[in-house]
Amino acid sequence: MSKRYPVLSNELGDLECEISKEGLFFLHLSLKKWNKTLYKQSLVYFYSWLNMLYESGVLAVFVLIPDDDKKLYKFEQMFGFEEIDRKNGVILMAQGTGD
């Protein structure tokens, strides 16, 4: 992978993006706290941000997660990510930006 770029940093956590050498747009998220209310608020921002990416020409965003982390897998699904590949203990998930 290449360099990570900060997108958002606040009391909830940090969001970074990274563009792979293949041109794929990856997200990296670390959370400090989380609950149902924050999830609902985050959905609004997330889909607004996806729309901005789409308007900029980015058609999909990707995440890599360990294949044994069921909680993280469910978290990614809550934001619309779908599994597209599974290899060597890692799951590649994607979310379209223009949906």
N, C-alpha and C. Protein backbone atom coordinates (compact mmCIF):
# COMPACT_ATOMS: atom_id res chain seq x y z
N MET A 1 0.83 -1.18 0.00
CA MET A 1 0.00 0.00 0.00
C MET A 1 0.88 1.25 0.00
N SER A 2 0.22 2.37 -0.05
CA SER A 2 0.94 3.63 -0.14
C SER A 2 0.63 4.50 1.08
N LYS A 3 0.83 5.78 0.95
CA LYS A 3 0.65 6.72 2.05
C LYS A 3 -0.83 6.89 2.41
N ARG A 4 -1.10 7.02 3.71
CA ARG A 4 -2.45 7.29 4.20
C ARG A 4 -2.65 8.80 4.33
N TYR A 5 -3.86 9.25 4.00
CA TYR A 5 -4.21 10.67 4.09
C TYR A 5 -5.35 10.85 5.08
N PRO A 6 -5.20 11.75 6.05
CA PRO A 6 -6.26 11.96 7.02
C PRO A 6 -7.50 12.59 6.36
N VAL A 7 -8.66 12.07 6.73
CA VAL A 7 -9.93 12.61 6.23
C VAL A 7 -10.66 13.31 7.37
N LEU A 8 -10.69 12.65 8.52
CA LEU A 8 -11.43 13.17 9.67
C LEU A 8 -10.78 12.66 10.95
N SER A 9 -10.66 13.54 11.91
CA SER A 9 -10.15 13.15 13.22
C SER A 9 -10.91 13.94 14.27
N ASN A 10 -11.60 13.22 15.16
CA ASN A 10 -12.33 13.89 16.24
C ASN A 10 -12.39 12.97 17.45
N GLU A 11 -13.27 13.31 18.40
CA GLU A 11 -13.34 12.53 19.64
C GLU A 11 -13.84 11.11 19.43
N LEU A 12 -14.46 10.85 18.27
CA LEU A 12 -14.96 9.50 17.97
C LEU A 12 -13.89 8.59 17.42
N GLY A 13 -12.92 9.16 16.71
CA GLY A 13 -11.86 8.36 16.11
C GLY A 13 -11.22 9.05 14.93
N ASP A 14 -10.54 8.26 14.12
CA ASP A 14 -9.81 8.78 12.97
C ASP A 14 -10.18 8.01 11.70
N LEU A 15 -10.38 8.74 10.61
CA LEU A 15 -10.65 8.16 9.31
C LEU A 15 -9.56 8.61 8.36
N GLU A 16 -8.94 7.64 7.69
CA GLU A 16 -7.89 7.93 6.71
C GLU A 16 -8.24 7.23 5.41
N CYS A 17 -7.71 7.76 4.32
CA CYS A 17 -7.87 7.10 3.02
C CYS A 17 -6.49 6.81 2.44
N GLU A 18 -6.49 5.90 1.50
CA GLU A 18 -5.25 5.47 0.87
C GLU A 18 -5.59 4.98 -0.54
N ILE A 19 -4.78 5.35 -1.51
CA ILE A 19 -4.99 4.88 -2.87
C ILE A 19 -3.88 3.88 -3.18
N SER A 20 -4.29 2.65 -3.52
CA SER A 20 -3.32 1.59 -3.79
C SER A 20 -2.63 1.84 -5.13
N LYS A 21 -1.56 1.11 -5.37
CA LYS A 21 -0.84 1.25 -6.65
C LYS A 21 -1.72 0.84 -7.82
N GLU A 22 -2.78 0.04 -7.54
CA GLU A 22 -3.72 -0.36 -8.58
C GLU A 22 -4.83 0.68 -8.79
N GLY A 23 -4.81 1.74 -7.97
CA GLY A 23 -5.80 2.81 -8.09
C GLY A 23 -7.05 2.60 -7.26
N LEU A 24 -7.04 1.63 -6.34
CA LEU A 24 -8.20 1.39 -5.49
C LEU A 24 -8.17 2.33 -4.29
N PHE A 25 -9.33 2.83 -3.91
CA PHE A 25 -9.47 3.79 -2.82
C PHE A 25 -9.84 3.04 -1.54
N PHE A 26 -8.91 2.97 -0.59
CA PHE A 26 -9.12 2.23 0.66
C PHE A 26 -9.41 3.19 1.82
N LEU A 27 -10.24 2.74 2.75
CA LEU A 27 -10.53 3.48 3.97
C LEU A 27 -9.92 2.76 5.17
N HIS A 28 -9.44 3.55 6.13
CA HIS A 28 -8.90 3.03 7.39
C HIS A 28 -9.59 3.81 8.51
N LEU A 29 -10.22 3.09 9.42
CA LEU A 29 -10.95 3.72 10.51
C LEU A 29 -10.50 3.15 11.85
N SER A 30 -10.26 4.03 12.78
CA SER A 30 -10.03 3.60 14.17
C SER A 30 -11.01 4.38 15.04
N LEU A 31 -11.79 3.65 15.83
CA LEU A 31 -12.81 4.27 16.66
C LEU A 31 -12.38 4.32 18.12
N LYS A 32 -12.76 5.40 18.78
CA LYS A 32 -12.49 5.53 20.21
C LYS A 32 -13.74 5.21 21.02
N LYS A 33 -14.92 5.51 20.45
CA LYS A 33 -16.17 5.15 21.11
C LYS A 33 -17.24 4.97 20.04
N TRP A 34 -18.30 4.22 20.41
CA TRP A 34 -19.31 3.87 19.42
C TRP A 34 -20.60 3.49 20.12
N ASN A 35 -21.72 3.93 19.54
CA ASN A 35 -23.04 3.51 20.02
C ASN A 35 -24.06 3.71 18.90
N LYS A 36 -25.30 3.36 19.14
CA LYS A 36 -26.33 3.41 18.10
C LYS A 36 -26.58 4.84 17.60
N THR A 37 -26.59 5.80 18.50
CA THR A 37 -26.80 7.20 18.11
C THR A 37 -25.68 7.69 17.20
N LEU A 38 -24.45 7.37 17.57
CA LEU A 38 -23.31 7.77 16.75
C LEU A 38 -23.36 7.09 15.38
N TYR A 39 -23.82 5.84 15.35
CA TYR A 39 -23.97 5.13 14.08
C TYR A 39 -24.93 5.87 13.16
N LYS A 40 -26.08 6.27 13.67
CA LYS A 40 -27.07 6.97 12.86
C LYS A 40 -26.53 8.30 12.34
N GLN A 41 -25.82 9.03 13.19
CA GLN A 41 -25.21 10.29 12.77
C GLN A 41 -24.13 10.05 11.72
N SER A 42 -23.35 9.00 11.93
CA SER A 42 -22.24 8.70 11.02
C SER A 42 -22.73 8.31 9.62
N LEU A 43 -23.87 7.62 9.56
CA LEU A 43 -24.41 7.23 8.25
C LEU A 43 -24.64 8.44 7.36
N VAL A 44 -25.18 9.50 7.91
CA VAL A 44 -25.45 10.71 7.13
C VAL A 44 -24.16 11.26 6.55
N TYR A 45 -23.14 11.38 7.39
CA TYR A 45 -21.85 11.90 6.93
C TYR A 45 -21.19 10.96 5.93
N PHE A 46 -21.26 9.67 6.20
CA PHE A 46 -20.61 8.69 5.35
C PHE A 46 -21.17 8.72 3.94
N TYR A 47 -22.49 8.70 3.82
CA TYR A 47 -23.09 8.68 2.48
C TYR A 47 -22.93 10.01 1.76
N SER A 48 -22.89 11.10 2.50
CA SER A 48 -22.60 12.40 1.90
C SER A 48 -21.16 12.41 1.35
N TRP A 49 -20.24 11.84 2.13
CA TRP A 49 -18.84 11.77 1.71
C TRP A 49 -18.69 10.86 0.49
N LEU A 50 -19.41 9.72 0.48
CA LEU A 50 -19.37 8.83 -0.69
C LEU A 50 -19.86 9.55 -1.93
N ASN A 51 -20.89 10.36 -1.79
CA ASN A 51 -21.41 11.12 -2.93
C ASN A 51 -20.36 12.11 -3.46
N MET A 52 -19.64 12.76 -2.55
CA MET A 52 -18.57 13.68 -2.97
C MET A 52 -17.47 12.92 -3.71
N LEU A 53 -17.13 11.72 -3.22
CA LEU A 53 -16.12 10.91 -3.91
C LEU A 53 -16.60 10.54 -5.31
N TYR A 54 -17.87 10.16 -5.42
CA TYR A 54 -18.45 9.78 -6.72
C TYR A 54 -18.36 10.96 -7.69
N GLU A 55 -18.70 12.14 -7.22
CA GLU A 55 -18.63 13.34 -8.06
C GLU A 55 -17.20 13.66 -8.46
N SER A 56 -16.23 13.16 -7.68
CA SER A 56 -14.81 13.37 -8.00
C SER A 56 -14.24 12.27 -8.89
N GLY A 57 -15.08 11.28 -9.23
CA GLY A 57 -14.62 10.21 -10.12
C GLY A 57 -14.26 8.91 -9.45
N VAL A 58 -14.38 8.84 -8.11
CA VAL A 58 -14.11 7.59 -7.39
C VAL A 58 -15.40 6.77 -7.41
N LEU A 59 -15.35 5.57 -7.97
CA LEU A 59 -16.56 4.76 -8.13
C LEU A 59 -16.80 3.77 -7.01
N ALA A 60 -15.77 3.46 -6.23
CA ALA A 60 -15.91 2.51 -5.14
C ALA A 60 -14.84 2.75 -4.09
N VAL A 61 -15.16 2.38 -2.85
CA VAL A 61 -14.18 2.42 -1.76
C VAL A 61 -14.06 1.00 -1.21
N PHE A 62 -12.89 0.69 -0.66
CA PHE A 62 -12.58 -0.66 -0.23
C PHE A 62 -12.05 -0.67 1.19
N VAL A 63 -12.23 -1.80 1.86
CA VAL A 63 -11.64 -2.05 3.18
C VAL A 63 -11.09 -3.47 3.19
N LEU A 64 -10.05 -3.66 3.97
CA LEU A 64 -9.49 -4.99 4.23
C LEU A 64 -9.68 -5.28 5.71
N ILE A 65 -10.21 -6.47 6.02
CA ILE A 65 -10.41 -6.84 7.42
C ILE A 65 -9.95 -8.28 7.63
N PRO A 66 -9.56 -8.63 8.85
CA PRO A 66 -9.20 -10.02 9.14
C PRO A 66 -10.43 -10.91 8.96
N ASP A 67 -10.24 -12.11 8.41
CA ASP A 67 -11.39 -12.98 8.15
C ASP A 67 -11.97 -13.63 9.40
N ASP A 68 -11.32 -13.46 10.54
CA ASP A 68 -11.85 -14.05 11.77
C ASP A 68 -12.51 -13.02 12.69
N ASP A 69 -12.68 -11.79 12.21
CA ASP A 69 -13.28 -10.73 13.02
C ASP A 69 -14.74 -10.53 12.61
N LYS A 70 -15.63 -11.32 13.19
CA LYS A 70 -17.05 -11.27 12.84
C LYS A 70 -17.69 -9.93 13.20
N LYS A 71 -17.25 -9.33 14.30
CA LYS A 71 -17.80 -8.04 14.73
C LYS A 71 -17.46 -6.94 13.71
N LEU A 72 -16.23 -6.91 13.26
CA LEU A 72 -15.82 -5.93 12.27
C LEU A 72 -16.51 -6.17 10.93
N TYR A 73 -16.68 -7.44 10.57
CA TYR A 73 -17.38 -7.78 9.34
C TYR A 73 -18.81 -7.21 9.36
N LYS A 74 -19.51 -7.41 10.48
CA LYS A 74 -20.86 -6.89 10.63
C LYS A 74 -20.87 -5.36 10.60
N PHE A 75 -19.88 -4.75 11.24
CA PHE A 75 -19.76 -3.29 11.24
C PHE A 75 -19.65 -2.77 9.80
N GLU A 76 -18.79 -3.39 9.00
CA GLU A 76 -18.62 -2.95 7.61
C GLU A 76 -19.92 -3.12 6.83
N GLN A 77 -20.64 -4.20 7.08
CA GLN A 77 -21.92 -4.42 6.41
C GLN A 77 -22.94 -3.35 6.79
N MET A 78 -22.89 -2.86 8.02
CA MET A 78 -23.81 -1.80 8.45
C MET A 78 -23.63 -0.54 7.62
N PHE A 79 -22.45 -0.35 7.03
CA PHE A 79 -22.18 0.81 6.18
C PHE A 79 -22.24 0.46 4.69
N GLY A 80 -22.81 -0.70 4.38
CA GLY A 80 -23.06 -1.06 2.99
C GLY A 80 -21.93 -1.78 2.28
N PHE A 81 -20.87 -2.13 2.99
CA PHE A 81 -19.77 -2.85 2.36
C PHE A 81 -20.16 -4.30 2.13
N GLU A 82 -19.73 -4.84 0.99
CA GLU A 82 -20.00 -6.23 0.65
C GLU A 82 -18.68 -6.95 0.38
N GLU A 83 -18.63 -8.20 0.78
CA GLU A 83 -17.44 -9.01 0.56
C GLU A 83 -17.28 -9.29 -0.94
N ILE A 84 -16.06 -9.06 -1.44
CA ILE A 84 -15.80 -9.38 -2.85
C ILE A 84 -14.67 -10.39 -3.03
N ASP A 85 -13.86 -10.59 -1.98
CA ASP A 85 -12.78 -11.58 -2.07
C ASP A 85 -12.31 -11.95 -0.67
N ARG A 86 -11.74 -13.16 -0.57
CA ARG A 86 -11.23 -13.67 0.71
C ARG A 86 -10.00 -14.50 0.41
N LYS A 87 -8.84 -14.08 0.93
CA LYS A 87 -7.58 -14.80 0.72
C LYS A 87 -6.66 -14.60 1.90
N ASN A 88 -5.88 -15.62 2.21
CA ASN A 88 -4.80 -15.52 3.18
C ASN A 88 -5.20 -14.84 4.49
N GLY A 89 -6.40 -15.14 4.98
CA GLY A 89 -6.84 -14.60 6.26
C GLY A 89 -7.37 -13.18 6.21
N VAL A 90 -7.59 -12.64 5.01
CA VAL A 90 -8.05 -11.26 4.85
C VAL A 90 -9.27 -11.23 3.93
N ILE A 91 -10.23 -10.38 4.27
CA ILE A 91 -11.42 -10.18 3.45
C ILE A 91 -11.34 -8.80 2.81
N LEU A 92 -11.57 -8.75 1.51
CA LEU A 92 -11.67 -7.49 0.78
C LEU A 92 -13.16 -7.18 0.62
N MET A 93 -13.56 -5.99 1.08
CA MET A 93 -14.94 -5.56 0.98
C MET A 93 -15.00 -4.26 0.20
N ALA A 94 -16.14 -4.03 -0.49
CA ALA A 94 -16.28 -2.82 -1.30
C ALA A 94 -17.65 -2.21 -1.11
N GLN A 95 -17.72 -0.91 -1.37
CA GLN A 95 -18.96 -0.14 -1.32
C GLN A 95 -18.92 0.82 -2.50
N GLY A 96 -19.95 0.78 -3.35
CA GLY A 96 -20.02 1.74 -4.46
C GLY A 96 -20.30 3.14 -3.95
N THR A 97 -19.80 4.14 -4.63
CA THR A 97 -20.01 5.52 -4.19
C THR A 97 -21.22 6.15 -4.83
N GLY A 98 -21.71 5.62 -5.92
CA GLY A 98 -22.83 6.24 -6.62
C GLY A 98 -24.17 5.60 -6.34
N ASP A 99 -24.23 4.73 -5.35
CA ASP A 99 -25.50 4.03 -5.04
C ASP A 99 -26.46 4.94 -4.31
